[in-house]
Amino acid sequence: PYPFVTACCGMEYMSLASSHYDLDRFGAAFPRFTPRQADLLFVVGTISHKIAPLMKRVYDQMCEPKWVIAFGVCTCTGGFYDNYATVQGIDTIVPVDVYIPGCPPRPETVLQGIMLLQEKIAKQKQEY
């Protein structure tokens, strides 16, 4: 995965790397440091209109097949930042495969979201 972390949900994202939750068993523990090496984009935190083009560029640089997880209520819907500067849900910028609500979401909820994405990938029959 390629983590695009902008706000407080990043602390919960980092806790997933601990041995207690063992994100590695899902094949998603080792973060990629360039989007060209990643097939999963974790968007974590509030996205402003100023940073949205950068996030879109990161998404565009990823190779196919690629998936997106919206992590936290601010990423999913803009959260309580209903103002001119905040994107009201990243699905207006990039397609989202799994939404993980919460402020911040519990690590168990994130693991459930990753399992949902794995099920979605298994059901796809596209040729790449």
Protein backbone atom coordinates (compact mmCIF):
# COMPACT_ATOMS: atom_id res chain seq x y z
CA PRO A 1 0.00 0.00 0.00
CA TYR A 2 0.91 3.63 -0.46
CA PRO A 3 -0.20 5.68 2.58
CA PHE A 4 -1.43 9.22 1.84
CA VAL A 5 -1.71 10.49 5.42
CA THR A 6 -2.76 14.07 6.21
CA ALA A 7 -4.35 14.18 9.66
CA CYS A 8 -4.96 12.55 13.02
CA CYS A 9 -6.18 9.20 11.66
CA GLY A 10 -2.54 8.60 10.80
CA MET A 11 -1.92 7.55 14.40
CA GLU A 12 -4.43 4.72 14.07
CA TYR A 13 -2.95 3.77 10.72
CA MET A 14 0.49 3.45 12.31
CA SER A 15 -0.87 1.20 15.05
CA LEU A 16 -1.80 -1.36 12.40
CA ALA A 17 1.88 -2.06 11.81
CA SER A 18 2.29 -3.37 15.36
CA SER A 19 2.52 -7.06 16.09
CA HIS A 20 -0.83 -6.96 17.89
CA TYR A 21 -2.76 -6.36 14.66
CA ASP A 22 -0.25 -7.91 12.22
CA LEU A 23 -1.22 -6.16 9.01
CA ASP A 24 1.44 -8.24 7.25
CA ARG A 25 -0.84 -11.29 7.22
CA PHE A 26 -2.96 -9.42 4.66
CA GLY A 27 0.05 -8.52 2.54
CA ALA A 28 -0.37 -4.84 3.31
CA ALA A 29 2.22 -4.13 5.99
CA PHE A 30 5.16 -2.94 3.94
CA PRO A 31 4.40 0.58 2.69
CA ARG A 32 5.67 1.50 -0.74
CA PHE A 33 7.59 4.73 -1.00
CA THR A 34 6.57 5.47 -4.54
CA PRO A 35 3.07 5.12 -6.01
CA ARG A 36 4.52 3.29 -9.01
CA GLN A 37 5.24 0.30 -6.75
CA ALA A 38 1.85 0.26 -5.02
CA ASP A 39 -1.49 -1.27 -5.93
CA LEU A 40 -3.39 0.05 -2.90
CA LEU A 41 -3.79 3.69 -1.90
CA PHE A 42 -4.73 4.34 1.73
CA VAL A 43 -6.11 7.88 1.92
CA VAL A 44 -6.03 8.81 5.59
CA GLY A 45 -7.34 12.09 6.98
CA THR A 46 -8.74 15.38 5.77
CA ILE A 47 -8.18 16.29 2.12
CA SER A 48 -8.20 19.98 1.29
CA HIS A 49 -8.90 21.34 -2.18
CA LYS A 50 -5.29 22.48 -2.32
CA ILE A 51 -3.85 19.00 -1.75
CA ALA A 52 -6.49 17.17 -3.84
CA PRO A 53 -4.59 17.54 -7.16
CA LEU A 54 -1.51 15.99 -5.53
CA MET A 55 -3.56 13.03 -4.31
CA LYS A 56 -5.03 12.61 -7.81
CA ARG A 57 -1.52 12.66 -9.28
CA VAL A 58 -0.42 9.96 -6.82
CA TYR A 59 -3.42 7.85 -7.85
CA ASP A 60 -2.69 8.36 -11.55
CA GLN A 61 0.92 7.21 -11.08
CA MET A 62 -0.16 3.85 -9.66
CA CYS A 63 -0.11 0.87 -12.01
CA GLU A 64 -3.21 -1.14 -12.83
CA PRO A 65 -4.86 -2.89 -11.12
CA LYS A 66 -5.19 -0.36 -8.30
CA TRP A 67 -7.53 0.10 -5.39
CA VAL A 68 -8.36 2.88 -2.93
CA ILE A 69 -9.38 2.72 0.72
CA ALA A 70 -10.89 5.85 2.31
CA PHE A 71 -9.76 5.75 5.94
CA GLY A 72 -11.76 7.82 8.43
CA VAL A 73 -14.85 9.98 8.30
CA CYS A 74 -12.97 13.07 7.08
CA THR A 75 -11.71 11.16 4.06
CA CYS A 76 -15.09 9.54 3.39
CA THR A 77 -17.34 12.61 3.75
CA GLY A 78 -15.28 15.62 4.80
CA GLY A 79 -16.13 14.97 8.46
CA PHE A 80 -17.07 17.98 10.52
CA TYR A 81 -15.01 20.22 8.23
CA ASP A 82 -17.99 21.34 6.13
CA ASN A 83 -16.30 24.41 4.67
CA TYR A 84 -14.91 25.87 1.46
CA ALA A 85 -11.41 24.40 1.91
CA THR A 86 -12.22 20.72 2.50
CA VAL A 87 -13.14 18.07 -0.05
CA GLN A 88 -16.45 16.53 0.98
CA GLY A 89 -15.44 12.95 0.25
CA ILE A 90 -12.54 11.79 -1.90
CA ASP A 91 -14.86 9.86 -4.20
CA THR A 92 -15.28 13.16 -6.05
CA ILE A 93 -11.58 12.93 -7.00
CA VAL A 94 -10.66 9.24 -7.21
CA PRO A 95 -12.80 6.09 -7.25
CA VAL A 96 -13.04 4.51 -3.81
CA ASP A 97 -13.29 0.75 -3.35
CA VAL A 98 -13.76 0.55 0.44
CA TYR A 99 -14.94 3.17 2.93
CA ILE A 100 -13.79 2.80 6.54
CA PRO A 101 -15.81 5.18 8.74
CA GLY A 102 -14.81 6.35 12.19
CA CYS A 103 -13.13 9.24 13.93
CA PRO A 104 -10.65 7.62 14.02
CA PRO A 105 -11.61 4.11 12.94
CA ARG A 106 -10.59 1.33 15.26
CA PRO A 107 -7.82 -0.93 13.96
CA GLU A 108 -10.25 -3.86 13.90
CA THR A 109 -12.51 -1.87 11.58
CA VAL A 110 -9.58 -1.22 9.26
CA LEU A 111 -8.75 -4.92 9.19
CA GLN A 112 -12.37 -5.64 8.30
CA GLY A 113 -12.12 -3.08 5.48
CA ILE A 114 -9.00 -4.78 4.13
CA MET A 115 -10.80 -8.13 4.19
CA LEU A 116 -13.72 -6.55 2.29
CA LEU A 117 -11.29 -5.29 -0.33
CA GLN A 118 -9.73 -8.75 -0.64
CA GLU A 119 -13.21 -10.22 -1.23
CA LYS A 120 -13.92 -7.56 -3.85
CA ILE A 121 -10.64 -8.31 -5.63
CA ALA A 122 -11.35 -12.04 -5.60
CA LYS A 123 -14.74 -11.44 -7.26
CA GLN A 124 -13.33 -9.30 -10.07
CA LYS A 125 -12.77 -11.10 -13.33
CA GLN A 126 -10.84 -8.45 -15.21
CA GLU A 127 -7.77 -9.19 -17.26
CA TYR A 128 -4.77 -6.93 -16.72
